[in-house]
Amino acid sequence: MSAEATSPLVPAGPLAAARRFGLHRLRESRTLCIGLGIIVFWALVALLAPLIAPSDPNTQYMSAVGHALPSKTHWFGADQLRRDIFARIVWGARPVLVIAPLALISSYIIGVAAGMTAGYFGGWVDDVLSRAIDVLLSFPKIVLYVVLIASLGPSAFNIMLAVIFISSPGIARLVRGITLDLRTRDFVAAARTRGESALFIMLVEILPNARGPLIVDFCMRMGYTIIAIGVLGFLGLGLPPPNPDWGGMVREATPMLVVYPHMALFPAAAIVTLVMGFNLVADGLQEVADAS
């Protein structure tokens, strides 16, 4: 039995749930629609990369002049190794849209479990978990990323591990705060009276009522994670070459930025637009929630 289900002012059923969370009003938020459009665009680019890209991202065009400017043959130009920048950007969307969601979903599984346990049980359990979370959050994130990737070595799997390790504490703190509030509600007391287990109450009673803030937070953290992956690539700690890496492409173009700005402009624009898409979705969801 959830909090909304116990209220006589809120009708039951899927349609009522949709109305309650404003799902029928999502299309009324222009911010949300624009953000979803950007995300869908990049998702389609990643999915259809073999059809969109003119060639393999590592193909070297010996007929092209190094650092070739955008042309009919190379829409975004060529890099210092005479590889098509457009093809590398298209193929580079795939690792970003695989690593970031998988790492963040794993982070939420760990963070939700730790935060909900700390918030629900309280006492020494809360003290131990909260102190561990505080210790991890006390370190600068970029320093942790650099230390972890430098120790483990640059690879897609190690980047995911770093994201999970660094993102989980912040998620746990958020979930703990939400749980501390929800555990005092009447629907949780009713579940305890019925003799439900702590696991049942956390998963069935508390978690569904926390999904609104968590969805918004997930979209915001997706943007942060994409930026982090780009920064790691720029620092040379991203995907190992010759894999297409947006951050790595910007780093490779830095020495020639004044003469050939297009080499850094296009991959940087890809990072910015994808991050902006998730931020707009988060803002749009918040607008819908506030208007509901």
Protein backbone atom coordinates (compact mmCIF):
# COMPACT_ATOMS: atom_id res chain seq x y z
CA MET A 1 0.00 0.00 0.00
CA SER A 2 1.61 3.27 -1.08
CA ALA A 3 1.14 6.77 0.25
CA GLU A 4 -1.00 7.85 -2.66
CA ALA A 5 -3.15 4.76 -2.55
CA THR A 6 -4.20 5.49 1.02
CA SER A 7 -5.40 8.99 0.19
CA PRO A 8 -9.12 9.26 -0.59
CA LEU A 9 -8.45 12.32 -2.70
CA VAL A 10 -6.41 10.39 -5.28
CA PRO A 11 -8.19 7.81 -7.46
CA ALA A 12 -6.52 4.47 -8.00
CA GLY A 13 -5.42 2.88 -11.23
CA PRO A 14 -2.83 3.44 -13.99
CA LEU A 15 -4.66 6.46 -15.43
CA ALA A 16 -4.73 8.12 -12.03
CA ALA A 17 -1.03 7.41 -11.58
CA ALA A 18 -0.29 9.03 -14.92
CA ARG A 19 -2.30 12.09 -13.94
CA ARG A 20 -0.66 12.25 -10.53
CA PHE A 21 2.85 12.38 -11.93
CA GLY A 22 1.89 14.61 -14.81
CA LEU A 23 2.73 12.10 -17.56
CA HIS A 24 -0.14 13.44 -19.65
CA ARG A 25 1.50 16.86 -19.43
CA LEU A 26 4.99 15.91 -20.55
CA ARG A 27 4.32 17.19 -24.05
CA GLU A 28 3.36 20.55 -22.59
CA SER A 29 6.93 21.12 -21.38
CA ARG A 30 8.91 22.50 -24.29
CA THR A 31 12.12 22.12 -22.29
CA LEU A 32 11.47 18.42 -21.79
CA CYS A 33 10.56 17.85 -25.44
CA ILE A 34 13.73 19.57 -26.67
CA GLY A 35 15.87 17.57 -24.27
CA LEU A 36 14.25 14.29 -25.28
CA GLY A 37 14.71 15.21 -28.94
CA ILE A 38 18.44 15.75 -28.44
CA ILE A 39 18.85 12.47 -26.56
CA VAL A 40 16.85 10.52 -29.14
CA PHE A 41 18.93 12.10 -31.90
CA TRP A 42 22.21 10.94 -30.39
CA ALA A 43 20.75 7.53 -29.54
CA LEU A 44 19.79 7.08 -33.19
CA VAL A 45 23.23 8.26 -34.29
CA ALA A 46 24.85 5.64 -32.06
CA LEU A 47 22.45 2.90 -33.11
CA LEU A 48 22.73 3.63 -36.84
CA ALA A 49 26.46 4.46 -36.84
CA PRO A 50 27.32 1.85 -39.52
CA LEU A 51 24.74 3.43 -41.84
CA ILE A 52 25.46 7.08 -41.04
CA ALA A 53 29.26 7.10 -40.93
CA PRO A 54 30.92 7.26 -44.36
CA SER A 55 33.66 4.86 -43.27
CA ASP A 56 35.34 3.10 -40.40
CA PRO A 57 36.43 5.69 -37.80
CA ASN A 58 40.07 4.59 -38.08
CA THR A 59 40.31 4.66 -41.88
CA GLN A 60 43.11 6.95 -43.04
CA TYR A 61 42.48 8.86 -46.25
CA MET A 62 45.90 9.22 -47.81
CA SER A 63 44.45 11.48 -50.51
CA ALA A 64 43.32 13.97 -47.88
CA VAL A 65 45.61 16.70 -46.71
CA GLY A 66 46.39 16.47 -43.01
CA HIS A 67 43.96 18.52 -40.92
CA ALA A 68 41.74 18.89 -44.00
CA LEU A 69 39.05 21.51 -43.60
CA PRO A 70 35.37 20.54 -43.90
CA SER A 71 34.44 19.68 -47.47
CA LYS A 72 32.01 17.61 -49.51
CA THR A 73 34.23 14.58 -49.02
CA HIS A 74 34.86 15.12 -45.30
CA TRP A 75 31.92 17.03 -43.83
CA PHE A 76 33.70 17.83 -40.56
CA GLY A 77 37.19 17.72 -42.03
CA ALA A 78 40.01 15.30 -41.21
CA ASP A 79 42.32 15.06 -38.20
CA GLN A 80 46.11 15.01 -38.06
CA LEU A 81 46.11 11.32 -39.01
CA ARG A 82 43.79 11.98 -41.98
CA ARG A 83 40.84 10.23 -40.37
CA ASP A 84 37.34 11.48 -41.06
CA ILE A 85 36.17 13.52 -38.05
CA PHE A 86 32.48 13.03 -38.84
CA ALA A 87 32.89 9.24 -38.80
CA ARG A 88 34.79 9.38 -35.51
CA ILE A 89 32.12 11.54 -33.88
CA VAL A 90 29.34 9.23 -35.05
CA TRP A 91 31.09 6.10 -33.81
CA GLY A 92 32.19 7.92 -30.66
CA ALA A 93 28.56 8.29 -29.60
CA ARG A 94 28.36 4.55 -28.98
CA PRO A 95 30.81 4.20 -26.07
CA VAL A 96 29.42 7.32 -24.39
CA LEU A 97 25.82 6.09 -24.55
CA VAL A 98 26.82 2.64 -23.33
CA ILE A 99 29.35 3.43 -20.60
CA ALA A 100 27.46 6.33 -18.97
CA PRO A 101 24.02 4.64 -18.58
CA LEU A 102 25.41 1.26 -17.51
CA ALA A 103 27.78 2.82 -14.98
CA LEU A 104 25.11 5.12 -13.60
CA ILE A 105 22.48 2.37 -13.31
CA SER A 106 25.00 0.28 -11.39
CA SER A 107 25.75 3.31 -9.21
CA TYR A 108 22.06 3.70 -8.43
CA ILE A 109 21.71 0.06 -7.45
CA ILE A 110 24.55 0.44 -4.94
CA GLY A 111 23.60 3.94 -3.82
CA VAL A 112 19.91 3.16 -3.35
CA ALA A 113 20.72 0.02 -1.36
CA ALA A 114 23.18 1.83 0.93
CA GLY A 115 21.15 5.00 1.34
CA MET A 116 17.87 3.25 1.97
CA THR A 117 19.45 0.90 4.50
CA ALA A 118 21.03 3.82 6.38
CA GLY A 119 17.89 5.92 6.33
CA TYR A 120 15.45 3.19 7.27
CA PHE A 121 17.33 1.45 10.08
CA GLY A 122 19.12 4.47 11.54
CA GLY A 123 21.21 3.99 14.66
CA TRP A 124 24.69 2.51 14.31
CA VAL A 125 23.89 1.28 10.79
CA ASP A 126 23.24 4.86 9.70
CA ASP A 127 26.34 6.10 11.54
CA VAL A 128 28.68 3.60 9.86
CA LEU A 129 27.29 4.04 6.36
CA SER A 130 27.04 7.83 6.67
CA ARG A 131 30.64 8.16 7.84
CA ALA A 132 31.83 6.01 4.91
CA ILE A 133 29.79 8.13 2.49
CA ASP A 134 31.16 11.36 3.98
CA VAL A 135 34.75 10.12 3.63
CA LEU A 136 34.27 9.28 -0.05
CA LEU A 137 32.51 12.57 -0.77
CA SER A 138 35.31 14.55 0.88
CA PHE A 139 37.71 13.83 -1.99
CA PRO A 140 37.58 15.95 -5.19
CA LYS A 141 35.93 13.87 -7.88
CA ILE A 142 38.38 14.71 -10.63
CA VAL A 143 41.28 13.63 -8.40
CA LEU A 144 39.56 10.31 -7.70
CA TYR A 145 38.93 9.77 -11.40
CA VAL A 146 42.55 10.43 -12.28
CA VAL A 147 43.91 8.24 -9.47
CA LEU A 148 41.58 5.33 -10.23
CA ILE A 149 42.06 5.33 -14.01
CA ALA A 150 45.79 5.89 -13.73
CA SER A 151 45.99 2.91 -11.35
CA LEU A 152 43.68 0.58 -13.25
CA GLY A 153 44.56 1.67 -16.77
CA PRO A 154 42.36 3.36 -19.38
CA SER A 155 39.60 1.11 -20.68
CA ALA A 156 35.81 1.16 -20.98
CA PHE A 157 35.39 -1.27 -18.07
CA ASN A 158 37.72 0.68 -15.78
CA ILE A 159 35.94 3.93 -16.61
CA MET A 160 32.68 2.27 -15.58
CA LEU A 161 34.24 1.12 -12.31
CA ALA A 162 35.47 4.64 -11.61
CA VAL A 163 32.05 6.15 -12.29
CA ILE A 164 30.36 3.59 -10.04
CA PHE A 165 32.82 4.17 -7.20
CA ILE A 166 32.58 7.97 -7.39
CA SER A 167 28.84 8.36 -8.09
CA SER A 168 27.44 5.86 -5.57
CA PRO A 169 28.15 7.92 -2.40
CA GLY A 170 26.27 10.98 -3.65
CA ILE A 171 23.30 8.84 -4.66
CA ALA A 172 23.36 7.11 -1.27
CA ARG A 173 23.25 10.44 0.55
CA LEU A 174 20.28 11.60 -1.54
CA VAL A 175 18.37 8.34 -0.97
CA ARG A 176 19.13 8.42 2.76
CA GLY A 177 17.57 11.86 3.07
CA ILE A 178 14.46 10.80 1.16
CA THR A 179 14.15 7.62 3.23
CA LEU A 180 14.45 9.52 6.51
CA ASP A 181 11.42 11.55 5.45
CA LEU A 182 9.32 8.71 4.03
CA ARG A 183 9.87 6.25 6.87
CA THR A 184 7.79 8.49 9.17
CA ARG A 185 4.76 8.46 6.87
CA ASP A 186 1.52 6.71 7.71
CA PHE A 187 1.76 4.17 4.89
CA VAL A 188 5.08 2.89 6.29
CA ALA A 189 3.54 2.63 9.77
CA ALA A 190 0.62 0.70 8.28
CA ALA A 191 3.01 -1.72 6.57
CA ARG A 192 4.81 -2.32 9.85
CA THR A 193 1.49 -2.95 11.56
CA ARG A 194 0.67 -5.58 8.93
CA GLY A 195 3.95 -7.29 9.82
CA GLU A 196 5.75 -6.59 6.53
CA SER A 197 9.50 -7.14 6.49
CA ALA A 198 11.97 -4.27 6.31
CA LEU A 199 13.00 -5.34 2.81
CA PHE A 200 9.39 -5.30 1.63
CA ILE A 201 8.77 -1.85 3.12
CA MET A 202 11.90 -0.41 1.51
CA LEU A 203 11.29 -1.87 -1.94
CA VAL A 204 7.49 -1.70 -2.16
CA GLU A 205 6.53 1.23 0.05
CA ILE A 206 9.46 3.66 0.15
CA LEU A 207 11.27 3.23 -3.18
CA PRO A 208 8.21 3.81 -5.45
CA ASN A 209 7.43 7.02 -3.55
CA ALA A 210 11.02 8.23 -4.07
CA ARG A 211 11.15 7.64 -7.80
CA GLY A 212 10.28 11.22 -8.79
CA PRO A 213 13.38 12.91 -7.30
CA LEU A 214 15.54 9.95 -8.30
CA ILE A 215 14.55 10.18 -11.97
CA VAL A 216 15.38 13.88 -12.06
CA ASP A 217 18.66 13.22 -10.28
CA PHE A 218 19.48 10.41 -12.73
CA CYS A 219 19.15 12.77 -15.70
CA MET A 220 21.35 15.37 -14.02
CA ARG A 221 23.98 12.79 -13.15
CA MET A 222 23.98 11.50 -16.72
CA GLY A 223 25.15 14.93 -17.80
CA TYR A 224 27.86 14.96 -15.13
CA THR A 225 28.97 11.46 -16.10
CA ILE A 226 29.25 12.37 -19.78
CA ILE A 227 31.34 15.40 -18.84
CA ALA A 228 33.55 13.20 -16.65
CA ILE A 229 34.09 10.73 -19.50
CA GLY A 230 34.97 13.63 -21.79
CA VAL A 231 37.42 15.06 -19.25
CA LEU A 232 39.09 11.67 -18.83
CA GLY A 233 39.48 11.44 -22.59
CA PHE A 234 40.95 14.95 -22.69
CA LEU A 235 43.47 13.97 -20.00
CA GLY A 236 44.47 10.87 -21.97
CA LEU A 237 42.70 8.55 -19.52
CA GLY A 238 39.71 7.70 -21.68
CA LEU A 239 39.30 4.93 -24.22
CA PRO A 240 42.68 3.73 -25.49
CA PRO A 241 43.51 4.73 -29.08
CA PRO A 242 42.54 4.29 -31.81
CA ASN A 243 38.99 4.06 -30.37
CA PRO A 244 36.93 7.16 -31.17
CA ASP A 245 36.68 9.20 -27.99
CA TRP A 246 35.13 12.68 -28.04
CA GLY A 247 37.32 13.94 -25.19
CA GLY A 248 40.39 12.36 -26.76
CA MET A 249 39.61 14.05 -30.07
CA VAL A 250 39.56 17.44 -28.35
CA ARG A 251 42.91 16.65 -26.69
CA GLU A 252 44.50 15.61 -29.98
CA ALA A 253 43.32 18.85 -31.59
CA THR A 254 44.62 21.15 -28.84
CA PRO A 255 48.12 21.76 -30.32
CA MET A 256 46.53 22.88 -33.61
CA LEU A 257 43.54 24.68 -32.16
CA VAL A 258 44.41 28.12 -33.54
CA VAL A 259 45.01 26.94 -37.09
CA TYR A 260 42.47 24.11 -37.30
CA PRO A 261 39.73 24.87 -34.73
CA HIS A 262 37.26 22.55 -36.44
CA MET A 263 39.17 19.52 -35.12
CA ALA A 264 38.14 20.38 -31.55
CA LEU A 265 34.93 22.27 -32.28
CA PHE A 266 32.87 19.34 -33.56
CA PRO A 267 33.67 16.76 -30.83
CA ALA A 268 33.26 19.46 -28.16
CA ALA A 269 29.87 20.36 -29.65
CA ALA A 270 28.86 16.70 -29.47
CA ILE A 271 29.66 16.57 -25.74
CA VAL A 272 27.88 19.87 -25.06
CA THR A 273 24.69 18.96 -26.91
CA LEU A 274 24.36 15.53 -25.30
CA VAL A 275 24.92 16.96 -21.81
CA MET A 276 22.47 19.75 -22.58
CA GLY A 277 19.88 17.18 -23.64
CA PHE A 278 19.95 15.39 -20.29
CA ASN A 279 19.98 18.67 -18.35
CA LEU A 280 16.94 19.88 -20.29
CA VAL A 281 15.11 16.63 -19.55
CA ALA A 282 15.87 17.04 -15.85
CA ASP A 283 14.64 20.65 -15.90
CA GLY A 284 11.54 19.66 -17.85
CA LEU A 285 10.67 16.87 -15.43
CA GLN A 286 11.05 19.29 -12.55
CA GLU A 287 8.75 21.76 -14.29
CA VAL A 288 6.13 19.06 -14.77
CA ALA A 289 6.43 17.97 -11.13
CA ASP A 290 6.09 21.54 -9.87
CA ALA A 291 3.05 22.17 -12.03
CA SER A 292 1.33 18.91 -10.98
